C-alpha atoms as a PDB file:
ATOM      1  CA  MET A   1       0.000   0.000   0.000  1.00  0.00           C
ATOM      2  CA  GLU A   2       1.183   3.433  -0.822  1.00  0.00           C
ATOM      3  CA  TYR A   3      -0.074   6.925  -1.250  1.00  0.00           C
ATOM      4  CA  LYS A   4      -0.429   7.961  -4.873  1.00  0.00           C
ATOM      5  CA  ASP A   5      -1.033  11.085  -6.829  1.00  0.00           C
ATOM      6  CA  PHE A   6      -4.743  11.398  -7.422  1.00  0.00           C
ATOM      7  CA  THR A   7      -6.578  12.326 -10.583  1.00  0.00           C
ATOM      8  CA  SER A   8      -8.907  15.049  -9.394  1.00  0.00           C
ATOM      9  CA  ARG A   9     -12.626  14.441  -9.552  1.00  0.00           C
ATOM     10  CA  ASN A  10     -13.104  17.220 -12.122  1.00  0.00           C
ATOM     11  CA  ASN A  11     -10.369  15.948 -14.456  1.00  0.00           C
ATOM     12  CA  ALA A  12     -11.496  12.340 -14.041  1.00  0.00           C
ATOM     13  CA  TYR A  13     -15.116  13.274 -14.736  1.00  0.00           C
ATOM     14  CA  ALA A  14     -14.235  15.328 -17.829  1.00  0.00           C
ATOM     15  CA  GLY A  15     -12.051  12.504 -19.153  1.00  0.00           C
ATOM     16  CA  PHE A  16     -14.773   9.942 -18.458  1.00  0.00           C
ATOM     17  CA  ILE A  17     -17.364  12.016 -20.348  1.00  0.00           C
ATOM     18  CA  GLN A  18     -15.000  12.416 -23.322  1.00  0.00           C
ATOM     19  CA  ASN A  19     -14.114   8.694 -23.439  1.00  0.00           C
ATOM     20  CA  ARG A  20     -17.740   7.648 -23.063  1.00  0.00           C
ATOM     21  CA  LYS A  21     -18.811   9.990 -25.870  1.00  0.00           C
ATOM     22  CA  GLU A  22     -16.161   8.569 -28.206  1.00  0.00           C
ATOM     23  CA  VAL A  23     -17.293   5.010 -27.504  1.00  0.00           C
ATOM     24  CA  LEU A  24     -20.994   5.864 -27.812  1.00  0.00           C
ATOM     25  CA  ASP A  25     -20.368   7.685 -31.104  1.00  0.00           C
ATOM     26  CA  SER A  26     -18.476   4.641 -32.395  1.00  0.00           C
ATOM     27  CA  ILE A  27     -21.555   2.454 -31.968  1.00  0.00           C
ATOM     28  CA  SER A  28     -23.475   4.353 -34.631  1.00  0.00           C
ATOM     29  CA  ASP A  29     -20.569   4.681 -37.062  1.00  0.00           C
ATOM     30  CA  GLY A  30     -19.590   0.994 -36.854  1.00  0.00           C
ATOM     31  CA  SER A  31     -16.158   1.492 -35.273  1.00  0.00           C
ATOM     32  CA  PHE A  32     -17.038   0.283 -31.761  1.00  0.00           C
ATOM     33  CA  ASN A  33     -14.570  -2.631 -31.717  1.00  0.00           C
ATOM     34  CA  ASP A  34     -11.621  -0.405 -32.654  1.00  0.00           C
ATOM     35  CA  VAL A  35     -12.554   2.471 -30.344  1.00  0.00           C
ATOM     36  CA  PHE A  36     -13.285   0.171 -27.399  1.00  0.00           C
ATOM     37  CA  ALA A  37     -10.020  -1.722 -28.048  1.00  0.00           C
ATOM     38  CA  ASP A  38      -8.146   1.601 -27.899  1.00  0.00           C
ATOM     39  CA  LEU A  39      -9.891   2.470 -24.629  1.00  0.00           C
ATOM     40  CA  CYS A  40      -8.988  -0.953 -23.215  1.00  0.00           C
ATOM     41  CA  ALA A  41      -5.350  -0.451 -24.273  1.00  0.00           C
ATOM     42  CA  LYS A  42      -5.281   2.815 -22.291  1.00  0.00           C
ATOM     43  CA  ALA A  43      -6.873   1.051 -19.329  1.00  0.00           C
ATOM     44  CA  LEU A  44      -4.321  -1.758 -19.518  1.00  0.00           C
ATOM     45  CA  SER A  45      -1.499   0.792 -19.467  1.00  0.00           C
ATOM     46  CA  GLY A  46      -2.794   2.085 -16.112  1.00  0.00           C
ATOM     47  CA  ASP A  47      -4.876   5.069 -17.257  1.00  0.00           C
ATOM     48  CA  CYS A  48      -7.342   5.344 -14.368  1.00  0.00           C
ATOM     49  CA  ILE A  49      -9.790   7.448 -16.393  1.00  0.00           C
ATOM     50  CA  ALA A  50      -9.922   4.799 -19.125  1.00  0.00           C
ATOM     51  CA  GLN A  51     -10.298   2.111 -16.434  1.00  0.00           C
ATOM     52  CA  ASP A  52     -13.348   3.906 -15.058  1.00  0.00           C
ATOM     53  CA  CYS A  53     -14.875   4.194 -18.522  1.00  0.00           C
ATOM     54  CA  VAL A  54     -14.226   0.519 -19.327  1.00  0.00           C
ATOM     55  CA  ALA A  55     -15.952  -0.298 -16.028  1.00  0.00           C
ATOM     56  CA  TYR A  56     -18.939   1.771 -17.133  1.00  0.00           C
ATOM     57  CA  PHE A  57     -19.327  -0.163 -20.376  1.00  0.00           C
ATOM     58  CA  PHE A  58     -19.023  -3.551 -18.681  1.00  0.00           C
ATOM     59  CA  ASN A  59     -21.667  -2.381 -16.206  1.00  0.00           C
ATOM     60  CA  LYS A  60     -24.098  -1.157 -18.872  1.00  0.00           C
ATOM     61  CA  GLY A  61     -23.176  -3.415 -21.787  1.00  0.00           C
ATOM     62  CA  VAL A  62     -23.672  -2.454 -25.419  1.00  0.00           C
ATOM     63  CA  PRO A  63     -26.444  -4.366 -27.221  1.00  0.00           C
ATOM     64  CA  ASN A  64     -25.018  -6.859 -29.719  1.00  0.00           C
ATOM     65  CA  LEU A  65     -21.457  -5.627 -29.085  1.00  0.00           C
ATOM     66  CA  LEU A  66     -20.508  -6.011 -25.417  1.00  0.00           C
ATOM     67  CA  SER A  67     -22.146  -8.099 -22.723  1.00  0.00           C
ATOM     68  CA  GLN A  68     -22.702  -6.821 -19.228  1.00  0.00           C
ATOM     69  CA  ASN A  69     -20.169  -8.393 -16.906  1.00  0.00           C
ATOM     70  CA  TYR A  70     -20.407  -7.661 -13.190  1.00  0.00           C
ATOM     71  CA  THR A  71     -17.000  -9.104 -12.305  1.00  0.00           C
ATOM     72  CA  TYR A  72     -15.275  -7.041 -15.000  1.00  0.00           C
ATOM     73  CA  TYR A  73     -17.262  -3.949 -14.029  1.00  0.00           C
ATOM     74  CA  MET A  74     -16.340  -4.143 -10.343  1.00  0.00           C
ATOM     75  CA  SER A  75     -12.749  -5.114 -11.070  1.00  0.00           C
ATOM     76  CA  TRP A  76     -12.167  -2.188 -13.440  1.00  0.00           C
ATOM     77  CA  GLN A  77     -13.951   0.217 -11.067  1.00  0.00           C
ATOM     78  CA  ILE A  78     -11.821  -0.943  -8.142  1.00  0.00           C
ATOM     79  CA  LEU A  79      -8.642  -0.680 -10.260  1.00  0.00           C
ATOM     80  CA  ALA A  80      -9.573   2.883 -11.222  1.00  0.00           C
ATOM     81  CA  GLY A  81     -10.035   3.687  -7.531  1.00  0.00           C
ATOM     82  CA  ALA A  82      -6.803   1.955  -6.549  1.00  0.00           C
ATOM     83  CA  ASN A  83      -5.026   4.032  -9.189  1.00  0.00           C
ATOM     84  CA  GLY A  84      -6.283   7.300  -7.688  1.00  0.00           C
ATOM     85  CA  ASN A  85      -9.336   8.221  -9.786  1.00  0.00           C
ATOM     86  CA  GLU A  86     -11.377  10.434  -7.450  1.00  0.00           C
ATOM     87  CA  PHE A  87     -14.508  10.186  -9.626  1.00  0.00           C
ATOM     88  CA  ALA A  88     -14.339   6.374  -9.520  1.00  0.00           C
ATOM     89  CA  LEU A  89     -13.810   6.476  -5.750  1.00  0.00           C
ATOM     90  CA  GLU A  90     -16.808   8.767  -5.380  1.00  0.00           C
ATOM     91  CA  LYS A  91     -18.970   6.312  -7.335  1.00  0.00           C
ATOM     92  CA  MET A  92     -17.787   3.466  -5.100  1.00  0.00           C
ATOM     93  CA  GLU A  93     -18.534   5.219  -1.820  1.00  0.00           C
ATOM     94  CA  PHE A  94     -21.715   3.230  -1.160  1.00  0.00           C
ATOM     95  CA  PHE A  95     -19.881  -0.080  -1.685  1.00  0.00           C
ATOM     96  CA  LEU A  96     -16.888   1.026   0.401  1.00  0.00           C
ATOM     97  CA  ASN A  97     -19.023   2.541   3.171  1.00  0.00           C
ATOM     98  CA  PRO A  98     -18.855  -0.379   5.675  1.00  0.00           C
ATOM     99  CA  ALA A  99     -15.041  -0.315   5.691  1.00  0.00           C
ATOM    100  CA  LEU A 100     -14.915   3.474   5.661  1.00  0.00           C
ATOM    101  CA  GLU A 101     -17.225   3.658   8.660  1.00  0.00           C
ATOM    102  CA  GLU A 102     -15.138   1.171  10.603  1.00  0.00           C
ATOM    103  CA  ILE A 103     -12.027   3.284  10.084  1.00  0.00           C
ATOM    104  CA  VAL A 104     -13.502   6.779  10.305  1.00  0.00           C
ATOM    105  CA  ASN A 105     -15.635   5.998  13.359  1.00  0.00           C
ATOM    106  CA  ASP A 106     -12.608   4.732  15.294  1.00  0.00           C
ATOM    107  CA  GLU A 107     -11.070   7.878  16.705  1.00  0.00           C
ATOM    108  CA  GLU A 108      -7.738   6.205  17.522  1.00  0.00           C
ATOM    109  CA  ILE A 109      -7.230   4.984  13.962  1.00  0.00           C
ATOM    110  CA  LEU A 110      -8.290   8.259  12.412  1.00  0.00           C
ATOM    111  CA  MET A 111      -6.235  10.473  14.720  1.00  0.00           C
ATOM    112  CA  THR A 112      -3.144   8.283  14.283  1.00  0.00           C
ATOM    113  CA  ALA A 113      -3.565   8.354  10.500  1.00  0.00           C
ATOM    114  CA  LEU A 114      -4.003  12.127  10.530  1.00  0.00           C
ATOM    115  CA  HIS A 115      -0.885  12.501  12.659  1.00  0.00           C
ATOM    116  CA  ASN A 116       1.423   9.990  10.936  1.00  0.00           C
ATOM    117  CA  ARG A 117       0.488  10.183   7.276  1.00  0.00           C
ATOM    118  CA  THR A 118      -0.277  12.641   4.529  1.00  0.00           C
ATOM    119  CA  ILE A 119      -3.957  12.237   5.303  1.00  0.00           C
ATOM    120  CA  THR A 120      -5.770  15.433   6.186  1.00  0.00           C
ATOM    121  CA  LYS A 121      -9.357  16.052   7.171  1.00  0.00           C
ATOM    122  CA  ASP A 122      -9.954  17.287   3.613  1.00  0.00           C
ATOM    123  CA  ASN A 123      -8.587  14.228   1.808  1.00  0.00           C
ATOM    124  CA  ALA A 124      -9.212  11.450   4.343  1.00  0.00           C
ATOM    125  CA  LEU A 125     -12.200   9.930   2.559  1.00  0.00           C
ATOM    126  CA  MET A 126     -10.382   9.703  -0.798  1.00  0.00           C
ATOM    127  CA  MET A 127      -7.116   8.465   0.715  1.00  0.00           C
ATOM    128  CA  ILE A 128      -8.755   5.744   2.801  1.00  0.00           C
ATOM    129  CA  SER A 129     -11.042   4.721  -0.077  1.00  0.00           C
ATOM    130  CA  ASN A 130      -7.983   4.443  -2.301  1.00  0.00           C
ATOM    131  CA  LEU A 131      -6.195   2.240   0.235  1.00  0.00           C
ATOM    132  CA  ILE A 132      -9.233  -0.033   0.552  1.00  0.00           C
ATOM    133  CA  CYS A 133      -9.369  -0.399  -3.235  1.00  0.00           C
ATOM    134  CA  GLU A 134      -5.656  -1.255  -3.273  1.00  0.00           C
ATOM    135  CA  GLY A 135      -6.310  -3.882  -0.633  1.00  0.00           C
ATOM    136  CA  ILE A 136      -9.190  -5.393  -2.624  1.00  0.00           C
ATOM    137  CA  VAL A 137      -6.980  -5.555  -5.732  1.00  0.00           C
ATOM    138  CA  ASP A 138      -4.399  -7.491  -3.723  1.00  0.00           C
ATOM    139  CA  VAL A 139      -6.870  -9.866  -2.051  1.00  0.00           C
ATOM    140  CA  VAL A 140      -8.816 -10.690  -5.221  1.00  0.00           C
ATOM    141  CA  GLY A 141      -5.697 -10.675  -7.395  1.00  0.00           C
ATOM    142  CA  ILE A 142      -7.189  -8.269  -9.919  1.00  0.00           C
ATOM    143  CA  GLU A 143      -5.021  -7.945 -13.002  1.00  0.00           C
ATOM    144  CA  ALA A 144      -6.083  -5.694 -15.858  1.00  0.00           C
ATOM    145  CA  LYS A 145      -4.770  -8.077 -18.514  1.00  0.00           C
ATOM    146  CA  ASN A 146      -7.403 -10.633 -17.426  1.00  0.00           C
ATOM    147  CA  LEU A 147     -10.337  -8.221 -17.763  1.00  0.00           C
ATOM    148  CA  ILE A 148     -10.738  -7.456 -21.448  1.00  0.00           C
ATOM    149  CA  ASP A 149     -12.352 -10.505 -23.050  1.00  0.00           C
ATOM    150  CA  ILE A 150     -15.302  -8.742 -24.688  1.00  0.00           C
ATOM    151  CA  LYS A 151     -16.600 -12.003 -26.150  1.00  0.00           C
ATOM    152  CA  LYS A 152     -17.098 -13.514 -22.694  1.00  0.00           C
ATOM    153  CA  GLN A 153     -20.617 -14.637 -21.855  1.00  0.00           C
ATOM    154  CA  PRO A 154     -22.825 -12.139 -20.011  1.00  0.00           C
ATOM    155  CA  GLU A 155     -22.343 -12.147 -16.265  1.00  0.00           C
ATOM    156  CA  PRO A 156     -25.081 -10.131 -14.562  1.00  0.00           C
ATOM    157  CA  TYR A 157     -25.009  -9.056 -10.946  1.00  0.00           C
ATOM    158  CA  SER A 158     -25.538 -11.790  -8.407  1.00  0.00           C
ATOM    159  CA  SER A 159     -25.060 -11.810  -4.657  1.00  0.00           C
ATOM    160  CA  GLN A 160     -22.398 -14.535  -5.084  1.00  0.00           C
ATOM    161  CA  ARG A 161     -20.358 -12.384  -7.473  1.00  0.00           C
ATOM    162  CA  HIS A 162     -20.779  -9.350  -5.242  1.00  0.00           C
ATOM    163  CA  ARG A 163     -19.737 -11.363  -2.177  1.00  0.00           C
ATOM    164  CA  VAL A 164     -16.265 -11.892  -3.699  1.00  0.00           C
ATOM    165  CA  PHE A 165     -15.636  -8.143  -3.584  1.00  0.00           C
ATOM    166  CA  SER A 166     -17.278  -7.464  -0.218  1.00  0.00           C
ATOM    167  CA  ASP A 167     -15.371 -10.394   1.346  1.00  0.00           C
ATOM    168  CA  ALA A 168     -12.131  -9.035  -0.122  1.00  0.00           C
ATOM    169  CA  MET A 169     -12.903  -5.639   1.403  1.00  0.00           C
ATOM    170  CA  GLU A 170     -13.435  -7.294   4.772  1.00  0.00           C
ATOM    171  CA  ASN A 171     -10.235  -9.318   4.399  1.00  0.00           C
ATOM    172  CA  CYS A 172      -8.060  -6.309   3.574  1.00  0.00           C
ATOM    173  CA  LEU A 173      -9.478  -4.030   6.254  1.00  0.00           C
ATOM    174  CA  MET A 174      -6.956  -4.987   8.953  1.00  0.00           C
ATOM    175  CA  ASP A 175      -4.055  -4.395   6.526  1.00  0.00           C
ATOM    176  CA  VAL A 176      -5.430  -0.936   5.736  1.00  0.00           C
ATOM    177  CA  ILE A 177      -5.825  -0.183   9.439  1.00  0.00           C
ATOM    178  CA  ARG A 178      -2.282  -1.394  10.191  1.00  0.00           C
ATOM    179  CA  PHE A 179      -0.968   0.784   7.373  1.00  0.00           C
ATOM    180  CA  LEU A 180      -2.833   3.823   8.703  1.00  0.00           C
ATOM    181  CA  MET A 181      -1.597   3.189  12.256  1.00  0.00           C
ATOM    182  CA  HIS A 182       2.119   3.085  11.368  1.00  0.00           C
END
């Protein structure tokens, strides 16, 4: 776990809107496969804005072109958050809330983190959310190169698939707390 430079919410949002528009425009002009492949290449190279946009398309799907895939959606969204995308972290707040509450509601953890780290009252939510996402990536073993098979069968949301990510969040929580406390 480490502290990273963040992509501000405004820049991440603007980039997401631009990427999404390019992909949506490509559907009508018949170039979806090429445009989406380019977006995936950016995501694979670590571009957290592209990762967030790829997550969006795996969440929504594209009729006759890309199946919805919950595992890919969550994995890309978590990767975007782990790589410092503030817009992605904002969208994940509801999912991350149980772990965030456990940390933020424990005054000893929060005060130690504020004292020992580069966490401030202004950035605490983003920093801790980022660390949780990093922990989930490690626990689940999320690797971008395994998340781009657009021909894969549809995989809609199910509580079993969701449980993988919520269990990983639970499993990494103590590592995040230890990191914050030292």
